[in-house]
Protein backbone atom coordinates (compact mmCIF):
# COMPACT_ATOMS: atom_id res chain seq x y z
CA MET A 1 37.13 -41.97 34.86
CA ASN A 2 39.09 -41.63 31.63
CA TYR A 3 39.84 -38.53 29.63
CA TYR A 4 37.11 -39.11 27.04
CA CYS A 5 34.43 -39.44 29.72
CA LEU A 6 35.53 -36.15 31.26
CA VAL A 7 35.32 -34.44 27.87
CA LEU A 8 31.91 -35.94 27.20
CA MET A 9 30.61 -34.78 30.60
CA SER A 10 31.99 -31.28 30.04
CA VAL A 11 30.32 -31.00 26.62
CA THR A 12 27.04 -32.34 28.00
CA LEU A 13 27.03 -29.87 30.89
CA LEU A 14 27.90 -27.04 28.53
CA CYS A 15 25.03 -27.93 26.20
CA VAL A 16 22.61 -28.16 29.12
CA GLY A 17 23.79 -24.76 30.27
CA CYS A 18 23.26 -23.36 26.76
CA ARG A 19 19.76 -24.77 26.62
CA GLU A 20 18.91 -23.35 30.01
CA LYS A 21 20.35 -19.99 29.06
CA SER A 22 18.64 -19.85 25.65
CA SER A 23 15.32 -20.84 27.18
CA GLU A 24 15.32 -17.77 29.37
CA PRO A 25 13.64 -14.81 27.63
CA SER A 26 15.93 -11.85 27.08
CA ALA A 27 15.34 -8.53 28.83
CA ALA A 28 14.58 -6.93 25.46
CA ASN A 29 11.97 -9.57 24.73
CA ASN A 30 10.40 -9.02 28.16
CA ASP A 31 10.22 -5.29 27.48
CA GLU A 32 8.67 -5.87 24.05
CA GLN A 33 6.01 -8.15 25.49
CA ALA A 34 5.28 -5.67 28.29
CA ILE A 35 4.73 -2.85 25.79
CA LYS A 36 2.46 -4.98 23.64
CA ALA A 37 0.49 -5.92 26.73
CA ALA A 38 0.16 -2.22 27.59
CA MET A 39 -1.15 -1.53 24.09
CA GLN A 40 -3.75 -4.28 24.53
CA GLU A 41 -4.79 -2.73 27.85
CA TYR A 42 -5.02 0.66 26.12
CA GLN A 43 -7.44 -0.81 23.59
CA GLU A 44 -9.52 -2.61 26.22
CA ALA A 45 -9.71 0.36 28.59
CA PHE A 46 -10.78 2.67 25.74
CA ASN A 47 -13.45 0.27 24.47
CA GLN A 48 -14.73 -0.30 28.02
CA LYS A 49 -14.73 3.47 28.70
CA ASP A 50 -12.70 2.80 31.82
CA SER A 51 -11.02 6.16 32.45
CA LYS A 52 -9.29 4.94 35.64
CA LYS A 53 -7.66 1.98 33.92
CA PHE A 54 -6.94 4.10 30.87
CA SER A 55 -5.13 6.85 32.79
CA SER A 56 -3.08 4.28 34.78
CA LEU A 57 -1.28 3.42 31.55
CA TRP A 58 0.21 6.93 31.34
CA ALA A 59 3.33 8.29 33.00
CA GLU A 60 2.89 10.76 35.86
CA ASP A 61 3.98 13.75 33.74
CA ALA A 62 2.72 12.45 30.39
CA THR A 63 1.35 14.78 27.71
CA TYR A 64 -1.79 14.12 25.68
CA ASN A 65 -2.24 16.23 22.56
CA ASN A 66 -4.77 15.27 19.90
CA PRO A 67 -4.36 17.38 16.73
CA LEU A 68 -7.52 15.78 15.33
CA THR A 69 -9.73 17.30 18.05
CA GLY A 70 -7.50 20.01 19.53
CA GLU A 71 -7.68 18.39 23.00
CA GLU A 72 -4.71 18.70 25.33
CA ALA A 73 -3.90 17.44 28.81
CA GLN A 74 -0.72 17.56 30.89
CA GLY A 75 -0.11 14.87 33.51
CA ARG A 76 -1.88 11.66 34.45
CA GLU A 77 -4.59 13.33 36.52
CA ALA A 78 -5.52 15.75 33.74
CA ILE A 79 -5.59 12.88 31.24
CA ALA A 80 -7.88 10.90 33.55
CA LYS A 81 -10.24 13.88 33.86
CA LEU A 82 -10.28 14.51 30.10
CA PHE A 83 -11.07 10.91 29.22
CA LYS A 84 -13.65 10.55 31.96
CA GLU A 85 -15.57 13.37 30.28
CA LYS A 86 -14.91 12.01 26.80
CA PHE A 87 -16.13 8.53 27.70
CA GLU A 88 -19.28 9.89 29.36
CA ASN A 89 -20.26 12.08 26.41
CA ALA A 90 -18.95 10.09 23.45
CA LYS A 91 -21.04 7.96 21.14
CA GLU A 92 -20.43 4.24 21.01
CA ARG A 93 -16.93 3.81 19.65
CA LYS A 94 -14.54 0.88 19.38
CA ILE A 95 -10.88 0.90 18.49
CA THR A 96 -8.51 -1.80 17.30
CA VAL A 97 -4.80 -1.18 17.74
CA VAL A 98 -2.61 -2.65 15.00
CA HIS A 99 1.10 -2.92 15.79
CA LYS A 100 3.51 -2.02 13.00
CA LYS A 101 6.93 -1.24 14.42
CA LEU A 102 8.58 -1.12 17.84
CA TYR A 103 12.09 0.08 18.53
CA PHE A 104 13.99 1.09 21.64
CA ARG A 105 15.59 4.51 21.72
CA THR A 106 17.26 3.78 25.04
CA PRO A 107 16.87 0.96 27.59
CA SER A 108 14.14 3.04 29.24
CA GLU A 109 12.45 4.66 26.22
CA ALA A 110 10.67 3.01 23.29
CA SER A 111 8.66 4.06 20.26
CA GLU A 112 5.64 2.08 19.08
CA GLN A 113 4.22 2.84 15.63
CA GLY A 114 1.00 1.49 14.17
CA VAL A 115 -2.57 2.19 13.15
CA ILE A 116 -5.74 2.54 15.21
CA ASN A 117 -8.90 1.46 13.41
CA VAL A 118 -11.87 3.45 14.73
CA GLU A 119 -15.47 2.23 14.45
CA GLU A 120 -18.14 4.72 15.55
CA ALA A 121 -21.92 4.42 15.49
CA GLU A 122 -23.51 5.96 12.38
CA GLN A 123 -20.12 7.08 11.09
CA PRO A 124 -17.79 5.64 8.45
CA SER A 125 -14.80 3.81 9.89
CA LYS A 126 -11.46 5.58 9.86
CA GLN A 127 -7.81 4.86 10.46
CA VAL A 128 -5.40 6.88 12.56
CA ALA A 129 -1.65 6.38 12.28
CA PHE A 130 0.13 6.81 15.60
CA GLN A 131 3.51 6.95 17.26
CA MET A 132 3.35 6.18 20.96
CA ILE A 133 6.36 6.93 23.15
CA PHE A 134 6.81 4.69 26.19
CA VAL A 135 9.07 5.31 29.19
CA LYS A 136 10.08 2.75 31.77
CA GLU A 137 9.42 3.89 35.34
CA ASN A 138 10.08 1.60 38.30
CA GLY A 139 10.11 -1.41 36.01
CA THR A 140 6.79 -0.55 34.29
CA TRP A 141 6.39 0.71 30.75
CA LEU A 142 4.06 3.76 30.65
CA ILE A 143 2.87 6.05 27.87
CA ASP A 144 4.66 9.39 27.76
CA HIS A 145 2.90 10.91 24.75
CA ILE A 146 1.19 10.02 21.46
CA GLY A 147 1.40 11.52 17.99
CA GLN A 148 -1.60 10.90 15.72
CA ILE A 149 -2.43 11.55 12.07
CA GLU A 150 -5.73 10.54 10.50
CA LEU A 151 -5.26 8.57 7.30
CA THR A 152 -7.47 9.59 4.42
CA THR A 153 -8.99 6.84 2.30
CA PRO A 154 -8.10 7.47 -1.34
CA SER A 155 -10.98 7.71 -3.76
CA SER A 156 -11.22 5.07 -6.45
CA ASN A 157 -12.28 5.28 -10.08
CA PHE A 158 -12.37 1.51 -10.37
CA ALA A 159 -16.05 1.51 -11.36
CA HIS A 160 -15.30 3.74 -14.37
CA LEU A 161 -12.53 1.40 -15.56
CA GLN A 162 -14.34 -1.91 -15.19
CA ASP A 163 -15.13 -2.04 -18.92
CA VAL A 164 -11.40 -2.16 -19.71
CA ALA A 165 -10.37 -4.23 -16.68
CA TRP A 166 -9.92 -7.23 -18.98
CA LEU A 167 -6.63 -5.61 -20.09
CA VAL A 168 -5.14 -6.39 -16.68
CA GLY A 169 -2.74 -9.33 -16.92
CA ASP A 170 0.17 -10.45 -19.07
CA TRP A 171 -0.36 -10.62 -22.83
CA LYS A 172 1.72 -11.52 -25.87
CA ASP A 173 1.42 -10.85 -29.61
CA VAL A 174 3.72 -13.08 -31.61
CA ASP A 175 4.25 -13.30 -35.35
CA PRO A 176 7.22 -14.67 -37.32
CA ASN A 177 9.11 -11.37 -37.14
CA VAL A 178 7.82 -9.32 -34.21
CA GLU A 179 7.03 -10.19 -30.60
CA ILE A 180 5.25 -7.71 -28.32
CA THR A 181 4.57 -8.41 -24.64
CA PHE A 182 2.34 -6.45 -22.28
CA LYS A 183 2.39 -6.76 -18.48
CA GLY A 184 -0.51 -4.95 -16.83
CA GLY A 185 -1.88 -4.44 -13.34
CA TRP A 186 -3.77 -2.05 -11.08
CA ASP A 187 -2.24 0.61 -8.89
CA ALA A 188 -2.81 0.23 -5.12
CA SER A 189 -6.10 2.19 -5.14
CA LYS A 190 -7.35 0.82 -8.47
CA ASN A 191 -7.45 4.29 -9.95
CA TYR A 192 -5.51 3.37 -13.08
CA ILE A 193 -4.13 0.42 -15.03
CA LYS A 194 -0.39 0.25 -15.60
CA GLN A 195 1.01 -1.56 -18.63
CA HIS A 196 4.65 -2.21 -19.42
CA PHE A 197 5.33 -3.24 -23.01
CA GLU A 198 8.35 -4.56 -24.89
CA MET A 199 8.78 -5.12 -28.63
CA THR A 200 11.36 -7.46 -30.10
CA ILE A 201 12.10 -7.54 -33.84
CA TYR A 202 13.93 -10.55 -35.26
CA GLY A 203 15.01 -11.48 -31.76
CA GLU A 204 16.49 -8.06 -30.99
CA GLU A 205 14.91 -5.80 -28.38
CA SER A 206 13.70 -2.71 -30.20
CA ILE A 207 11.60 -0.61 -27.85
CA GLU A 208 9.90 -0.67 -24.47
CA GLY A 209 7.64 1.68 -22.58
CA GLN A 210 4.71 2.31 -20.29
CA GLN A 211 1.03 2.94 -20.81
CA ILE A 212 -1.21 4.38 -18.06
CA ILE A 213 -4.99 4.04 -18.47
CA ALA A 214 -7.08 6.22 -16.13
CA TRP A 215 -10.43 7.95 -15.71
CA ASP A 216 -10.66 11.66 -16.52
CA SER A 217 -13.27 12.96 -14.06
CA VAL A 218 -13.39 16.37 -15.78
CA GLU A 219 -14.17 15.14 -19.30
CA ASN A 220 -15.82 11.93 -18.01
CA VAL A 221 -13.85 9.71 -20.37
CA ILE A 222 -11.14 7.08 -20.14
CA ARG A 223 -7.75 8.46 -21.13
CA SER A 224 -4.29 6.96 -21.58
CA TRP A 225 -0.70 8.13 -21.69
CA VAL A 226 2.16 6.33 -23.40
CA PHE A 227 5.90 6.83 -22.86
CA ASP A 228 8.46 4.82 -24.84
CA SER A 229 12.20 4.26 -24.58
CA ASP A 230 12.83 6.27 -27.77
CA GLY A 231 11.84 9.41 -25.90
CA GLY A 232 8.45 9.71 -27.55
CA PHE A 233 5.13 10.06 -25.76
CA GLY A 234 1.45 10.09 -26.56
CA GLU A 235 -2.00 10.77 -25.17
CA GLY A 236 -5.24 9.03 -26.03
CA THR A 237 -8.98 9.30 -25.48
CA TRP A 238 -10.99 6.06 -25.29
CA GLU A 239 -14.45 5.61 -26.79
CA LYS A 240 -16.49 2.41 -26.92
CA ASN A 241 -18.17 1.41 -30.19
CA GLY A 242 -20.00 -1.89 -30.02
CA ASP A 243 -17.62 -4.45 -28.52
CA SER A 244 -14.53 -2.46 -29.50
CA TRP A 245 -12.63 0.36 -27.85
CA TYR A 246 -11.35 3.10 -30.16
CA VAL A 247 -8.39 5.02 -28.78
CA PHE A 248 -7.73 8.33 -30.53
CA MET A 249 -4.01 8.92 -30.04
CA LYS A 250 -1.80 11.95 -30.55
CA TYR A 251 1.96 11.39 -30.44
CA THR A 252 5.09 13.46 -30.08
CA LEU A 253 8.11 11.61 -31.41
CA SER A 254 11.56 12.04 -29.89
CA ASN A 255 12.63 14.37 -32.73
CA GLY A 256 9.61 16.62 -32.18
CA THR A 257 7.57 15.26 -35.09
CA LEU A 258 3.84 15.01 -34.43
CA GLY A 259 1.67 12.03 -35.28
CA SER A 260 -1.75 10.54 -34.68
CA ALA A 261 -3.57 7.22 -34.97
CA THR A 262 -6.71 5.39 -33.94
CA ASN A 263 -5.97 2.17 -32.09
CA ILE A 264 -8.72 -0.43 -31.83
CA TYR A 265 -8.98 -3.01 -29.02
CA THR A 266 -11.61 -5.73 -29.48
CA PRO A 267 -12.07 -8.48 -26.86
CA VAL A 268 -12.49 -11.94 -28.39
CA ASP A 269 -12.80 -14.04 -25.23
CA ASP A 270 -11.31 -14.10 -21.72
CA ASP A 271 -7.89 -15.03 -23.08
CA SER A 272 -7.54 -12.99 -26.26
CA TYR A 273 -8.28 -9.73 -28.03
CA THR A 274 -7.43 -8.15 -31.36
CA TYR A 275 -5.47 -4.96 -31.88
CA ALA A 276 -5.45 -2.77 -34.95
CA SER A 277 -4.25 0.73 -35.80
CA ILE A 278 -5.84 2.90 -38.49
CA ASP A 279 -5.71 6.50 -39.70
CA ARG A 280 -2.02 6.61 -38.92
CA GLU A 281 -0.28 9.85 -39.76
CA ILE A 282 3.16 11.32 -39.06
CA ASP A 283 4.04 14.92 -39.90
CA GLY A 284 1.11 15.17 -42.31
CA GLU A 285 1.98 11.95 -44.15
CA MET A 286 -0.50 9.07 -44.04
CA LEU A 287 0.81 5.61 -43.25
CA PRO A 288 -0.74 2.22 -44.11
CA ASN A 289 -3.26 0.82 -41.65
CA MET A 290 -2.14 -1.96 -39.35
CA ASP A 291 -4.45 -4.93 -39.80
CA PRO A 292 -5.86 -6.63 -36.68
CA VAL A 293 -3.50 -8.96 -34.87
CA LYS A 294 -4.50 -11.39 -32.15
CA VAL A 295 -3.07 -10.90 -28.66
CA GLN A 296 -3.08 -13.90 -26.32
CA LYS A 297 -3.19 -13.84 -22.54
CA VAL A 298 -0.15 -15.39 -20.93
CA LYS A 299 -1.48 -15.27 -17.34
C-alpha cells in the first residue's frame, strides 16, 4: 500500500470519526431537551389536574410561593397537598407554557424564563411571566422554585384614533424648492401614532423632528405634540370639520418666542392628502397663510 493510500485512509477514518462524534447530541443539548420535556409535563399535569404527576416534577425540598394568590408550600409533599386541593376546588382552567429563554447557571442548575397563558372559564385570559429554577438530582432535572409576575394588558385608544389612522405610513411633499418626508407608525399598543419628519430646502437638510398623535381621555379629544431639531416644540388640539381635520397649534420656538397656527389635513384618497396652515402668528405678528399642498403616500 503506497503512501497516498495510507493518507487517504487516514483522512477517511478521521472524517467518519468526526461524523460519528458530531452526530452524538451534546450533554448540554440533552439537558436542554430534558428541561423542555419537564415543562411540557408541567403543562399536561396542570391541565389534567394530576397532582401526583405534578408534584413529581418538583425537587424534594422545593419551594412554591405564588405572590399572585399568597399560597406557599415547602417541600414536594406540601406542594402535592396544596395542588391536590387546588385542582379539586378550582374552576376549569388550562395553561399553555411558552418558552422564552433557558440558561445554565451551573452544570446542575438552570433557569427557564417564559410566559404562561392562562385560560379560565368565564374569566378573561391572562398572561403570567415566570422564571423557573431547575436543579439536577440523580440525573433528573426537577423544579426547585418558581417566580411569577402577572402581566397586565395595556389599554388601547386605537378606536379613538381610527379617524386619523390614514396618516400611518410614509408620505412625501415635493415641490421645486422644498421636500418634506413623513414616516409614521403605531406604537406597540396602538395608543398613539408616531411621525418622524424631515425637511430639505434646495437639497440641504434644514430641520427634522417628531410628532406624536394621541387620545386625551380627560378632554376627550385628539391631541398632538411636536418636537423639532431647532429646539422648538408645540402642542395641538384636533377637531374634525367635514372631511378635514383642523389642528390648533401653539408653539414655543427655541429662542422662547411664542407662536400659533391652524394646520389643516384633508384626505383626498387612499394615497394622498392636502396640508395647509392658516392664522399663523409669531410673537404677535401675523404671517401669510400657507396654501394647500398635496402630500403623496410613498408606502
